[in-house]
């Protein structure tokens, strides 16, 4: 095998590896950002709003009670 073919093969492998690692890095970054931005699913529905704090129920609101 000539030196030119070896260099070409090495360059192709290097570019393939860099692109592959780049894809892994982008997916990892997206997952990290998503974990930081989205709220915890376990916390849904557990936040006490103003109506609950005021002691109001569903029947105190005309549109929601029907």
PDB file of N, CA and C in Angstrom:
ATOM      1  N   UNK A   1       0.856  -1.176   0.000  1.00  0.00           N
ATOM      2  CA  UNK A   1       0.000   0.000   0.000  1.00  0.00           C
ATOM      3  C   UNK A   1       0.903   1.240   0.000  1.00  0.00           C
ATOM      4  N   UNK A   2       0.549   2.159  -0.825  1.00  0.00           N
ATOM      5  CA  UNK A   2       1.380   3.347  -0.942  1.00  0.00           C
ATOM      6  C   UNK A   2       1.095   4.312   0.198  1.00  0.00           C
ATOM      7  N   UNK A   3       1.995   5.212   0.384  1.00  0.00           N
ATOM      8  CA  UNK A   3       1.860   6.204   1.448  1.00  0.00           C
ATOM      9  C   UNK A   3       0.652   7.093   1.213  1.00  0.00           C
ATOM     10  N   UNK A   4       0.385   7.425  -0.020  1.00  0.00           N
ATOM     11  CA  UNK A   4      -0.767   8.277  -0.349  1.00  0.00           C
ATOM     12  C   UNK A   4      -2.093   7.606   0.053  1.00  0.00           C
ATOM     13  N   UNK A   5      -2.220   6.301  -0.203  1.00  0.00           N
ATOM     14  CA  UNK A   5      -3.445   5.579   0.162  1.00  0.00           C
ATOM     15  C   UNK A   5      -3.594   5.487   1.675  1.00  0.00           C
ATOM     16  N   UNK A   6      -2.473   5.279   2.381  1.00  0.00           N
ATOM     17  CA  UNK A   6      -2.531   5.214   3.834  1.00  0.00           C
ATOM     18  C   UNK A   6      -2.969   6.554   4.428  1.00  0.00           C
ATOM     19  N   UNK A   7      -2.431   7.607   3.902  1.00  0.00           N
ATOM     20  CA  UNK A   7      -2.801   8.947   4.395  1.00  0.00           C
ATOM     21  C   UNK A   7      -4.270   9.217   4.101  1.00  0.00           C
ATOM     22  N   UNK A   8      -4.721   8.844   2.913  1.00  0.00           N
ATOM     23  CA  UNK A   8      -6.124   9.051   2.557  1.00  0.00           C
ATOM     24  C   UNK A   8      -7.036   8.247   3.473  1.00  0.00           C
ATOM     25  N   UNK A   9      -6.687   6.979   3.728  1.00  0.00           N
ATOM     26  CA  UNK A   9      -7.486   6.136   4.613  1.00  0.00           C
ATOM     27  C   UNK A   9      -7.504   6.715   6.031  1.00  0.00           C
ATOM     28  N   UNK A  10      -6.363   7.156   6.513  1.00  0.00           N
ATOM     29  CA  UNK A  10      -6.287   7.749   7.847  1.00  0.00           C
ATOM     30  C   UNK A  10      -7.135   9.019   7.926  1.00  0.00           C
ATOM     31  N   UNK A  11      -7.111   9.810   6.881  1.00  0.00           N
ATOM     32  CA  UNK A  11      -7.909  11.036   6.857  1.00  0.00           C
ATOM     33  C   UNK A  11      -9.402  10.714   6.853  1.00  0.00           C
ATOM     34  N   UNK A  12      -9.802   9.706   6.097  1.00  0.00           N
ATOM     35  CA  UNK A  12     -11.212   9.308   6.058  1.00  0.00           C
ATOM     36  C   UNK A  12     -11.652   8.808   7.429  1.00  0.00           C
ATOM     37  N   UNK A  13     -10.836   7.959   8.079  1.00  0.00           N
ATOM     38  CA  UNK A  13     -11.176   7.458   9.412  1.00  0.00           C
ATOM     39  C   UNK A  13     -11.251   8.598  10.426  1.00  0.00           C
ATOM     40  N   UNK A  14     -10.334   9.534  10.332  1.00  0.00           N
ATOM     41  CA  UNK A  14     -10.309  10.657  11.269  1.00  0.00           C
ATOM     42  C   UNK A  14     -11.550  11.528  11.101  1.00  0.00           C
ATOM     43  N   UNK A  15     -11.894  11.838   9.869  1.00  0.00           N
ATOM     44  CA  UNK A  15     -13.087  12.658   9.614  1.00  0.00           C
ATOM     45  C   UNK A  15     -14.342  11.924  10.074  1.00  0.00           C
ATOM     46  N   UNK A  16     -14.420  10.628   9.819  1.00  0.00           N
ATOM     47  CA  UNK A  16     -15.577   9.839  10.255  1.00  0.00           C
ATOM     48  C   UNK A  16     -15.683   9.839  11.776  1.00  0.00           C
ATOM     49  N   UNK A  17     -14.570   9.663  12.445  1.00  0.00           N
ATOM     50  CA  UNK A  17     -14.576   9.651  13.912  1.00  0.00           C
ATOM     51  C   UNK A  17     -14.976  11.013  14.476  1.00  0.00           C
ATOM     52  N   UNK A  18     -14.465  12.079  13.897  1.00  0.00           N
ATOM     53  CA  UNK A  18     -14.799  13.425  14.377  1.00  0.00           C
ATOM     54  C   UNK A  18     -16.282  13.722  14.158  1.00  0.00           C
ATOM     55  N   UNK A  19     -16.808  13.342  13.009  1.00  0.00           N
ATOM     56  CA  UNK A  19     -18.238  13.560  12.741  1.00  0.00           C
ATOM     57  C   UNK A  19     -19.081  12.733  13.705  1.00  0.00           C
ATOM     58  N   UNK A  20     -18.696  11.483  13.938  1.00  0.00           N
ATOM     59  CA  UNK A  20     -19.427  10.641  14.875  1.00  0.00           C
ATOM     60  C   UNK A  20     -19.416  11.203  16.285  1.00  0.00           C
ATOM     61  N   UNK A  21     -18.270  11.655  16.741  1.00  0.00           N
ATOM     62  CA  UNK A  21     -18.184  12.265  18.068  1.00  0.00           C
ATOM     63  C   UNK A  21     -18.960  13.578  18.126  1.00  0.00           C
ATOM     64  N   UNK A  22     -18.986  14.290  17.027  1.00  0.00           N
ATOM     65  CA  UNK A  22     -19.776  15.521  16.980  1.00  0.00           C
ATOM     66  C   UNK A  22     -21.260  15.249  17.133  1.00  0.00           C
ATOM     67  N   UNK A  23     -21.741  14.194  16.491  1.00  0.00           N
ATOM     68  CA  UNK A  23     -23.153  13.818  16.620  1.00  0.00           C
ATOM     69  C   UNK A  23     -23.463  13.430  18.063  1.00  0.00           C
ATOM     70  N   UNK A  24     -22.581  12.657  18.675  1.00  0.00           N
ATOM     71  CA  UNK A  24     -22.776  12.267  20.077  1.00  0.00           C
ATOM     72  C   UNK A  24     -22.785  13.495  20.979  1.00  0.00           C
ATOM     73  N   UNK A  25     -21.895  14.442  20.726  1.00  0.00           N
ATOM     74  CA  UNK A  25     -21.835  15.660  21.537  1.00  0.00           C
ATOM     75  C   UNK A  25     -23.096  16.504  21.381  1.00  0.00           C
ATOM     76  N   UNK A  26     -23.605  16.609  20.164  1.00  0.00           N
ATOM     77  CA  UNK A  26     -24.821  17.395  19.933  1.00  0.00           C
ATOM     78  C   UNK A  26     -26.018  16.739  20.627  1.00  0.00           C
ATOM     79  N   UNK A  27     -26.139  15.429  20.508  1.00  0.00           N
ATOM     80  CA  UNK A  27     -27.251  14.729  21.174  1.00  0.00           C
ATOM     81  C   UNK A  27     -27.137  14.894  22.683  1.00  0.00           C
ATOM     82  N   UNK A  28     -25.942  14.763  23.219  1.00  0.00           N
ATOM     83  CA  UNK A  28     -25.738  14.955  24.650  1.00  0.00           C
ATOM     84  C   UNK A  28     -26.087  16.363  25.096  1.00  0.00           C
ATOM     85  N   UNK A  29     -25.693  17.355  24.310  1.00  0.00           N
ATOM     86  CA  UNK A  29     -26.008  18.743  24.654  1.00  0.00           C
ATOM     87  C   UNK A  29     -27.514  18.986  24.629  1.00  0.00           C
ATOM     88  N   UNK A  30     -28.193  18.420  23.641  1.00  0.00           N
ATOM     89  CA  UNK A  30     -29.652  18.583  23.564  1.00  0.00           C
ATOM     90  C   UNK A  30     -30.318  17.952  24.782  1.00  0.00           C
ATOM     91  N   UNK A  31     -29.863  16.783  25.187  1.00  0.00           N
ATOM     92  CA  UNK A  31     -30.449  16.122  26.353  1.00  0.00           C
ATOM     93  C   UNK A  31     -30.181  16.907  27.637  1.00  0.00           C
ATOM     94  N   UNK A  32     -28.997  17.474  27.759  1.00  0.00           N
ATOM     95  CA  UNK A  32     -28.678  18.267  28.950  1.00  0.00           C
ATOM     96  C   UNK A  32     -29.525  19.530  28.993  1.00  0.00           C
ATOM     97  N   UNK A  33     -29.634  20.228  27.873  1.00  0.00           N
ATOM     98  CA  UNK A  33     -30.452  21.448  27.832  1.00  0.00           C
ATOM     99  C   UNK A  33     -31.907  21.112  28.106  1.00  0.00           C
ATOM    100  N   UNK A  34     -32.389  20.023  27.553  1.00  0.00           N
ATOM    101  CA  UNK A  34     -33.782  19.618  27.782  1.00  0.00           C
ATOM    102  C   UNK A  34     -34.030  19.321  29.261  1.00  0.00           C
ATOM    103  N   UNK A  35     -33.079  18.659  29.895  1.00  0.00           N
ATOM    104  CA  UNK A  35     -33.230  18.343  31.318  1.00  0.00           C
ATOM    105  C   UNK A  35     -33.219  19.609  32.167  1.00  0.00           C
ATOM    106  N   UNK A  36     -32.481  20.615  31.741  1.00  0.00           N
ATOM    107  CA  UNK A  36     -32.426  21.861  32.506  1.00  0.00           C
ATOM    108  C   UNK A  36     -33.640  22.744  32.272  1.00  0.00           C
ATOM    109  N   UNK A  37     -34.217  22.681  31.068  1.00  0.00           N
ATOM    110  CA  UNK A  37     -35.309  23.581  30.708  1.00  0.00           C
ATOM    111  C   UNK A  37     -36.661  23.026  31.135  1.00  0.00           C
ATOM    112  N   UNK A  38     -36.898  21.749  30.897  1.00  0.00           N
ATOM    113  CA  UNK A  38     -38.206  21.177  31.215  1.00  0.00           C
ATOM    114  C   UNK A  38     -38.346  20.963  32.712  1.00  0.00           C
ATOM    115  N   UNK A  39     -39.514  21.255  33.249  1.00  0.00           N
ATOM    116  CA  UNK A  39     -39.726  21.011  34.678  1.00  0.00           C
ATOM    117  C   UNK A  39     -39.850  19.517  34.972  1.00  0.00           C
ATOM    118  N   UNK A  40     -39.706  19.171  36.224  1.00  0.00           N
ATOM    119  CA  UNK A  40     -39.808  17.779  36.637  1.00  0.00           C
ATOM    120  C   UNK A  40     -41.255  17.306  36.494  1.00  0.00           C
ATOM    121  N   UNK A  41     -41.460  16.181  35.837  1.00  0.00           N
ATOM    122  CA  UNK A  41     -42.820  15.673  35.602  1.00  0.00           C
ATOM    123  C   UNK A  41     -43.517  15.317  36.907  1.00  0.00           C
ATOM    124  N   UNK A  42     -42.777  14.965  37.935  1.00  0.00           N
ATOM    125  CA  UNK A  42     -43.378  14.615  39.218  1.00  0.00           C
ATOM    126  C   UNK A  42     -43.983  15.837  39.908  1.00  0.00           C
ATOM    127  N   UNK A  43     -43.539  17.029  39.518  1.00  0.00           N
ATOM    128  CA  UNK A  43     -44.038  18.246  40.158  1.00  0.00           C
ATOM    129  C   UNK A  43     -45.320  18.766  39.512  1.00  0.00           C
ATOM    130  N   UNK A  44     -45.740  18.190  38.386  1.00  0.00           N
ATOM    131  CA  UNK A  44     -46.954  18.657  37.731  1.00  0.00           C
ATOM    132  C   UNK A  44     -48.153  18.447  38.640  1.00  0.00           C
ATOM    133  N   UNK A  45     -48.971  19.449  38.775  1.00  0.00           N
ATOM    134  CA  UNK A  45     -50.190  19.345  39.549  1.00  0.00           C
ATOM    135  C   UNK A  45     -49.999  19.513  41.045  1.00  0.00           C
ATOM    136  N   UNK A  46     -48.775  19.699  41.488  1.00  0.00           N
ATOM    137  CA  UNK A  46     -48.539  19.836  42.920  1.00  0.00           C
ATOM    138  C   UNK A  46     -48.326  21.282  43.344  1.00  0.00           C
ATOM    139  N   UNK A  47     -48.318  22.197  42.383  1.00  0.00           N
ATOM    140  CA  UNK A  47     -48.126  23.603  42.703  1.00  0.00           C
ATOM    141  C   UNK A  47     -49.454  24.176  43.179  1.00  0.00           C
ATOM    142  N   UNK A  48     -49.432  24.762  44.352  1.00  0.00           N
ATOM    143  CA  UNK A  48     -50.655  25.314  44.912  1.00  0.00           C
ATOM    144  C   UNK A  48     -50.884  26.702  44.312  1.00  0.00           C
ATOM    145  N   UNK A  49     -52.011  26.890  43.663  1.00  0.00           N
ATOM    146  CA  UNK A  49     -52.285  28.175  43.032  1.00  0.00           C
ATOM    147  C   UNK A  49     -53.054  29.093  43.983  1.00  0.00           C
ATOM    148  N   UNK A  50     -53.367  30.276  43.480  1.00  0.00           N
ATOM    149  CA  UNK A  50     -54.011  31.294  44.313  1.00  0.00           C
ATOM    150  C   UNK A  50     -55.400  30.860  44.779  1.00  0.00           C
ATOM    151  N   UNK A  51     -56.132  30.160  43.933  1.00  0.00           N
ATOM    152  CA  UNK A  51     -57.483  29.739  44.301  1.00  0.00           C
ATOM    153  C   UNK A  51     -57.440  28.735  45.459  1.00  0.00           C
ATOM    154  N   UNK A  52     -56.507  27.823  45.417  1.00  0.00           N
ATOM    155  CA  UNK A  52     -56.398  26.859  46.511  1.00  0.00           C
ATOM    156  C   UNK A  52     -55.994  27.556  47.805  1.00  0.00           C
ATOM    157  N   UNK A  53     -55.060  28.505  47.693  1.00  0.00           N
ATOM    158  CA  UNK A  53     -54.619  29.227  48.888  1.00  0.00           C
ATOM    159  C   UNK A  53     -55.744  30.067  49.473  1.00  0.00           C
ATOM    160  N   UNK A  54     -56.642  30.541  48.630  1.00  0.00           N
ATOM    161  CA  UNK A  54     -57.759  31.363  49.102  1.00  0.00           C
ATOM    162  C   UNK A  54     -58.915  30.497  49.603  1.00  0.00           C
ATOM    163  N   UNK A  55     -58.809  29.190  49.474  1.00  0.00           N
ATOM    164  CA  UNK A  55     -59.851  28.296  49.944  1.00  0.00           C
ATOM    165  C   UNK A  55     -61.023  28.176  48.988  1.00  0.00           C
ATOM    166  N   UNK A  56     -60.825  28.529  47.727  1.00  0.00           N
ATOM    167  CA  UNK A  56     -61.892  28.436  46.746  1.00  0.00           C
ATOM    168  C   UNK A  56     -61.882  27.060  46.091  1.00  0.00           C
ATOM    169  N   UNK A  57     -63.047  26.584  45.736  1.00  0.00           N
ATOM    170  CA  UNK A  57     -63.150  25.297  45.063  1.00  0.00           C
ATOM    171  C   UNK A  57     -63.715  25.500  43.660  1.00  0.00           C
ATOM    172  N   UNK A  58     -63.945  24.418  42.991  1.00  0.00           N
ATOM    173  CA  UNK A  58     -64.470  24.471  41.628  1.00  0.00           C
ATOM    174  C   UNK A  58     -65.852  25.099  41.586  1.00  0.00           C
ATOM    175  N   UNK A  59     -66.629  24.884  42.615  1.00  0.00           N
ATOM    176  CA  UNK A  59     -68.008  25.426  42.660  1.00  0.00           C
ATOM    177  C   UNK A  59     -68.037  26.943  42.821  1.00  0.00           C
ATOM    178  N   UNK A  60     -66.939  27.545  43.228  1.00  0.00           N
ATOM    179  CA  UNK A  60     -66.892  28.998  43.387  1.00  0.00           C
ATOM    180  C   UNK A  60     -66.720  29.708  42.050  1.00  0.00           C
ATOM    181  N   UNK A  61     -66.457  28.980  41.000  1.00  0.00           N
ATOM    182  CA  UNK A  61     -66.278  29.566  39.672  1.00  0.00           C
ATOM    183  C   UNK A  61     -67.410  29.072  38.772  1.00  0.00           C
ATOM    184  N   UNK A  62     -68.237  29.999  38.308  1.00  0.00           N
ATOM    185  CA  UNK A  62     -69.424  29.636  37.516  1.00  0.00           C
ATOM    186  C   UNK A  62     -69.089  28.821  36.287  1.00  0.00           C
ATOM    187  N   UNK A  63     -68.127  29.260  35.511  1.00  0.00           N
ATOM    188  CA  UNK A  63     -67.839  28.602  34.234  1.00  0.00           C
ATOM    189  C   UNK A  63     -67.284  27.199  34.446  1.00  0.00           C
ATOM    190  N   UNK A  64     -66.576  26.971  35.515  1.00  0.00           N
ATOM    191  CA  UNK A  64     -65.960  25.650  35.741  1.00  0.00           C
ATOM    192  C   UNK A  64     -66.891  24.694  36.459  1.00  0.00           C
ATOM    193  N   UNK A  65     -67.949  25.197  37.050  1.00  0.00           N
ATOM    194  CA  UNK A  65     -68.801  24.320  37.860  1.00  0.00           C
ATOM    195  C   UNK A  65     -69.868  23.607  37.045  1.00  0.00           C
ATOM    196  N   UNK A  66     -70.000  23.931  35.766  1.00  0.00           N
ATOM    197  CA  UNK A  66     -71.055  23.285  34.954  1.00  0.00           C
ATOM    198  C   UNK A  66     -70.528  22.124  34.193  1.00  0.00           C
TER     199      UNK A  66
END
